[in-house]
Amino acid sequence: MKKAIITLTTVLLSVVLVSCKEGNAASKVKIGNVEEAQKRDKAINVGAPEIVFDRELHDFGIVDEGFVVETSFKVTNTGKSDLVITDAKASCGCTVPTWPRNPIKPGETSEVQVKFNTSGKPNKQSKTVTLYTNTVKGREEVKISGMVTPKKKA
């Protein structure tokens, strides 16, 4: 039994040592392929849509707990191809975004609406809405904040 364990350990150690001698993965990358990929990405990005918001933060100010407040962010496509927002996710279930489902043509503007339910959310609040897009970054963010005055306890 001891011989089998020693033999197995020796074989495994040999395999590990031999596989380490092959070098790291970075040394196997062809520089020409990397340069070609960078040129291709740059060319693709030249025609990519670009998103510009009228503002990236909306402060609701002071609101009473229990109300639903809402705002909208104007979204303009300043790029050279259609802007597509595929999804929008809020950092909290109390915040609900609504986004345009149709592509936004270059030069056109649309709106992303955000509703925030203040119920059960007293004091300072800050929420983020992440938009998943076909821009170079792929993700864009807008934020809402405000102070929620707690309900008076009966």
C-alpha atoms as a PDB file:
ATOM      1  CA  MET A   1       0.000   0.000   0.000  1.00  0.00           C
ATOM      2  CA  LYS A   2       2.865   2.360   0.873  1.00  0.00           C
ATOM      3  CA  LYS A   3       4.557   1.652  -2.458  1.00  0.00           C
ATOM      4  CA  ALA A   4       1.359   2.503  -4.340  1.00  0.00           C
ATOM      5  CA  ILE A   5       0.982   5.821  -2.512  1.00  0.00           C
ATOM      6  CA  ILE A   6       4.642   6.726  -3.071  1.00  0.00           C
ATOM      7  CA  THR A   7       4.416   5.778  -6.768  1.00  0.00           C
ATOM      8  CA  LEU A   8       1.210   7.768  -7.246  1.00  0.00           C
ATOM      9  CA  THR A   9       2.701  10.796  -5.460  1.00  0.00           C
ATOM     10  CA  THR A  10       5.841  10.598  -7.613  1.00  0.00           C
ATOM     11  CA  VAL A  11       3.793  10.407 -10.822  1.00  0.00           C
ATOM     12  CA  LEU A  12       1.592  13.348  -9.845  1.00  0.00           C
ATOM     13  CA  LEU A  13       4.616  15.438  -8.838  1.00  0.00           C
ATOM     14  CA  SER A  14       6.294  14.647 -12.158  1.00  0.00           C
ATOM     15  CA  VAL A  15       3.184  15.690 -14.101  1.00  0.00           C
ATOM     16  CA  VAL A  16       2.985  18.977 -12.216  1.00  0.00           C
ATOM     17  CA  LEU A  17       6.664  19.768 -12.739  1.00  0.00           C
ATOM     18  CA  VAL A  18       6.573  18.897 -16.436  1.00  0.00           C
ATOM     19  CA  SER A  19       3.427  20.950 -17.091  1.00  0.00           C
ATOM     20  CA  CYS A  20       4.961  24.001 -15.400  1.00  0.00           C
ATOM     21  CA  LYS A  21       7.933  23.973 -17.789  1.00  0.00           C
ATOM     22  CA  GLU A  22       5.726  24.749 -20.800  1.00  0.00           C
ATOM     23  CA  GLY A  23       5.666  28.470 -19.908  1.00  0.00           C
ATOM     24  CA  ASN A  24       2.809  30.792 -19.183  1.00  0.00           C
ATOM     25  CA  ALA A  25      -0.113  31.459 -21.507  1.00  0.00           C
ATOM     26  CA  ALA A  26       0.965  35.054 -22.227  1.00  0.00           C
ATOM     27  CA  SER A  27       4.105  33.824 -23.951  1.00  0.00           C
ATOM     28  CA  LYS A  28       1.967  31.864 -26.436  1.00  0.00           C
ATOM     29  CA  VAL A  29      -0.103  34.856 -27.586  1.00  0.00           C
ATOM     30  CA  LYS A  30       0.754  36.066 -31.075  1.00  0.00           C
ATOM     31  CA  ILE A  31       1.352  39.828 -31.067  1.00  0.00           C
ATOM     32  CA  GLY A  32       0.034  40.102 -34.644  1.00  0.00           C
ATOM     33  CA  ASN A  33      -3.335  38.688 -33.585  1.00  0.00           C
ATOM     34  CA  VAL A  34      -3.568  41.138 -30.678  1.00  0.00           C
ATOM     35  CA  GLU A  35      -2.785  44.113 -32.931  1.00  0.00           C
ATOM     36  CA  GLU A  36      -5.334  42.952 -35.523  1.00  0.00           C
ATOM     37  CA  ALA A  37      -8.019  42.581 -32.833  1.00  0.00           C
ATOM     38  CA  GLN A  38      -7.275  46.074 -31.482  1.00  0.00           C
ATOM     39  CA  LYS A  39      -7.619  47.586 -34.982  1.00  0.00           C
ATOM     40  CA  ARG A  40     -10.881  45.709 -35.534  1.00  0.00           C
ATOM     41  CA  ASP A  41     -12.306  46.857 -32.178  1.00  0.00           C
ATOM     42  CA  LYS A  42     -11.320  50.450 -32.865  1.00  0.00           C
ATOM     43  CA  ALA A  43     -13.035  50.361 -36.277  1.00  0.00           C
ATOM     44  CA  ILE A  44     -16.185  48.884 -34.749  1.00  0.00           C
ATOM     45  CA  ASN A  45     -16.256  51.503 -31.982  1.00  0.00           C
ATOM     46  CA  VAL A  46     -16.071  54.380 -34.501  1.00  0.00           C
ATOM     47  CA  GLY A  47     -19.595  53.591 -35.683  1.00  0.00           C
ATOM     48  CA  ALA A  48     -20.960  52.544 -32.299  1.00  0.00           C
ATOM     49  CA  PRO A  49     -23.887  54.329 -30.676  1.00  0.00           C
ATOM     50  CA  GLU A  50     -23.108  56.779 -27.892  1.00  0.00           C
ATOM     51  CA  ILE A  51     -25.459  57.651 -25.083  1.00  0.00           C
ATOM     52  CA  VAL A  52     -25.773  61.070 -23.482  1.00  0.00           C
ATOM     53  CA  PHE A  53     -28.115  61.782 -20.551  1.00  0.00           C
ATOM     54  CA  ASP A  54     -29.637  65.160 -19.726  1.00  0.00           C
ATOM     55  CA  ARG A  55     -28.386  64.371 -16.222  1.00  0.00           C
ATOM     56  CA  GLU A  56     -27.089  61.254 -14.482  1.00  0.00           C
ATOM     57  CA  LEU A  57     -28.418  62.050 -10.986  1.00  0.00           C
ATOM     58  CA  HIS A  58     -31.868  63.126  -9.873  1.00  0.00           C
ATOM     59  CA  ASP A  59     -32.422  64.290  -6.286  1.00  0.00           C
ATOM     60  CA  PHE A  60     -36.049  64.032  -5.174  1.00  0.00           C
ATOM     61  CA  GLY A  61     -35.326  66.286  -2.231  1.00  0.00           C
ATOM     62  CA  ILE A  62     -37.438  65.626   0.872  1.00  0.00           C
ATOM     63  CA  VAL A  63     -40.495  63.385   0.418  1.00  0.00           C
ATOM     64  CA  ASP A  64     -42.868  61.729   2.874  1.00  0.00           C
ATOM     65  CA  GLU A  65     -42.680  57.977   3.339  1.00  0.00           C
ATOM     66  CA  GLY A  66     -45.451  56.064   1.608  1.00  0.00           C
ATOM     67  CA  PHE A  67     -45.501  57.964  -1.681  1.00  0.00           C
ATOM     68  CA  VAL A  68     -44.291  56.831  -5.094  1.00  0.00           C
ATOM     69  CA  VAL A  69     -42.137  59.474  -6.746  1.00  0.00           C
ATOM     70  CA  GLU A  70     -40.984  59.371 -10.329  1.00  0.00           C
ATOM     71  CA  THR A  71     -38.667  61.098 -12.757  1.00  0.00           C
ATOM     72  CA  SER A  72     -37.407  60.583 -16.276  1.00  0.00           C
ATOM     73  CA  PHE A  73     -33.945  60.836 -17.760  1.00  0.00           C
ATOM     74  CA  LYS A  74     -33.662  62.042 -21.358  1.00  0.00           C
ATOM     75  CA  VAL A  75     -31.424  59.776 -23.417  1.00  0.00           C
ATOM     76  CA  THR A  76     -29.868  61.032 -26.649  1.00  0.00           C
ATOM     77  CA  ASN A  77     -28.004  58.858 -29.140  1.00  0.00           C
ATOM     78  CA  THR A  78     -25.005  60.917 -30.300  1.00  0.00           C
ATOM     79  CA  GLY A  79     -23.396  57.970 -32.094  1.00  0.00           C
ATOM     80  CA  LYS A  80     -23.519  56.799 -35.691  1.00  0.00           C
ATOM     81  CA  SER A  81     -25.744  53.733 -35.340  1.00  0.00           C
ATOM     82  CA  ASP A  82     -28.960  52.779 -33.550  1.00  0.00           C
ATOM     83  CA  LEU A  83     -28.825  52.750 -29.757  1.00  0.00           C
ATOM     84  CA  VAL A  84     -30.491  49.703 -28.236  1.00  0.00           C
ATOM     85  CA  ILE A  85     -31.262  49.406 -24.525  1.00  0.00           C
ATOM     86  CA  THR A  86     -31.792  45.703 -23.911  1.00  0.00           C
ATOM     87  CA  ASP A  87     -32.485  45.809 -20.178  1.00  0.00           C
ATOM     88  CA  ALA A  88     -32.597  48.078 -17.144  1.00  0.00           C
ATOM     89  CA  LYS A  89     -32.086  46.888 -13.571  1.00  0.00           C
ATOM     90  CA  ALA A  90     -32.430  48.836 -10.354  1.00  0.00           C
ATOM     91  CA  SER A  91     -30.294  48.317  -7.268  1.00  0.00           C
ATOM     92  CA  CYS A  92     -33.461  47.786  -5.190  1.00  0.00           C
ATOM     93  CA  GLY A  93     -36.915  46.315  -5.750  1.00  0.00           C
ATOM     94  CA  CYS A  94     -38.427  49.609  -4.606  1.00  0.00           C
ATOM     95  CA  THR A  95     -37.145  51.255  -7.788  1.00  0.00           C
ATOM     96  CA  VAL A  96     -38.731  50.414 -11.145  1.00  0.00           C
ATOM     97  CA  PRO A  97     -37.214  51.600 -14.446  1.00  0.00           C
ATOM     98  CA  THR A  98     -39.086  51.752 -17.754  1.00  0.00           C
ATOM     99  CA  TRP A  99     -36.961  52.110 -20.880  1.00  0.00           C
ATOM    100  CA  PRO A 100     -37.610  52.471 -24.623  1.00  0.00           C
ATOM    101  CA  ARG A 101     -37.938  49.074 -26.283  1.00  0.00           C
ATOM    102  CA  ASN A 102     -37.358  50.378 -29.826  1.00  0.00           C
ATOM    103  CA  PRO A 103     -33.928  51.408 -31.118  1.00  0.00           C
ATOM    104  CA  ILE A 104     -33.050  55.086 -30.735  1.00  0.00           C
ATOM    105  CA  LYS A 105     -31.782  56.431 -34.065  1.00  0.00           C
ATOM    106  CA  PRO A 106     -28.653  58.617 -34.221  1.00  0.00           C
ATOM    107  CA  GLY A 107     -29.545  62.149 -33.120  1.00  0.00           C
ATOM    108  CA  GLU A 108     -32.867  61.100 -31.574  1.00  0.00           C
ATOM    109  CA  THR A 109     -33.893  61.392 -27.931  1.00  0.00           C
ATOM    110  CA  SER A 110     -36.038  59.138 -25.771  1.00  0.00           C
ATOM    111  CA  GLU A 111     -36.746  58.739 -22.055  1.00  0.00           C
ATOM    112  CA  VAL A 112     -35.975  56.299 -19.283  1.00  0.00           C
ATOM    113  CA  GLN A 113     -38.567  56.612 -16.531  1.00  0.00           C
ATOM    114  CA  VAL A 114     -37.793  55.688 -12.938  1.00  0.00           C
ATOM    115  CA  LYS A 115     -40.360  55.196 -10.154  1.00  0.00           C
ATOM    116  CA  PHE A 116     -39.299  54.954  -6.522  1.00  0.00           C
ATOM    117  CA  ASN A 117     -41.658  53.622  -3.832  1.00  0.00           C
ATOM    118  CA  THR A 118     -40.761  55.280  -0.518  1.00  0.00           C
ATOM    119  CA  SER A 119     -42.797  52.832   1.608  1.00  0.00           C
ATOM    120  CA  GLY A 120     -40.521  51.263   4.200  1.00  0.00           C
ATOM    121  CA  LYS A 121     -37.555  53.357   3.035  1.00  0.00           C
ATOM    122  CA  PRO A 122     -37.104  56.140   5.609  1.00  0.00           C
ATOM    123  CA  ASN A 123     -34.128  58.517   5.783  1.00  0.00           C
ATOM    124  CA  LYS A 124     -31.448  59.116   3.132  1.00  0.00           C
ATOM    125  CA  GLN A 125     -31.917  56.993   0.003  1.00  0.00           C
ATOM    126  CA  SER A 126     -29.703  56.485  -3.041  1.00  0.00           C
ATOM    127  CA  LYS A 127     -30.546  54.029  -5.822  1.00  0.00           C
ATOM    128  CA  THR A 128     -28.837  53.131  -9.089  1.00  0.00           C
ATOM    129  CA  VAL A 129     -30.422  52.071 -12.379  1.00  0.00           C
ATOM    130  CA  THR A 130     -28.120  50.191 -14.742  1.00  0.00           C
ATOM    131  CA  LEU A 131     -28.972  50.256 -18.447  1.00  0.00           C
ATOM    132  CA  TYR A 132     -27.624  47.431 -20.604  1.00  0.00           C
ATOM    133  CA  THR A 133     -26.877  48.866 -24.039  1.00  0.00           C
ATOM    134  CA  ASN A 134     -24.991  48.298 -27.273  1.00  0.00           C
ATOM    135  CA  THR A 135     -22.607  51.196 -26.537  1.00  0.00           C
ATOM    136  CA  VAL A 136     -18.866  50.645 -26.263  1.00  0.00           C
ATOM    137  CA  LYS A 137     -19.110  50.430 -22.449  1.00  0.00           C
ATOM    138  CA  GLY A 138     -22.145  48.138 -22.589  1.00  0.00           C
ATOM    139  CA  ARG A 139     -23.536  49.430 -19.283  1.00  0.00           C
ATOM    140  CA  GLU A 140     -24.634  52.919 -18.380  1.00  0.00           C
ATOM    141  CA  GLU A 141     -25.904  54.167 -15.002  1.00  0.00           C
ATOM    142  CA  VAL A 142     -28.248  56.814 -13.701  1.00  0.00           C
ATOM    143  CA  LYS A 143     -28.937  57.477 -10.031  1.00  0.00           C
ATOM    144  CA  ILE A 144     -31.720  58.812  -7.885  1.00  0.00           C
ATOM    145  CA  SER A 145     -31.486  60.060  -4.327  1.00  0.00           C
ATOM    146  CA  GLY A 146     -33.518  61.849  -1.734  1.00  0.00           C
ATOM    147  CA  MET A 147     -34.489  62.108   1.891  1.00  0.00           C
ATOM    148  CA  VAL A 148     -37.580  60.191   2.958  1.00  0.00           C
ATOM    149  CA  THR A 149     -39.321  61.594   6.018  1.00  0.00           C
ATOM    150  CA  PRO A 150     -40.427  58.620   8.177  1.00  0.00           C
ATOM    151  CA  LYS A 151     -44.129  58.135   8.923  1.00  0.00           C
ATOM    152  CA  LYS A 152     -45.147  59.234  12.365  1.00  0.00           C
ATOM    153  CA  LYS A 153     -45.825  56.279  14.618  1.00  0.00           C
ATOM    154  CA  ALA A 154     -49.380  56.099  15.912  1.00  0.00           C
END
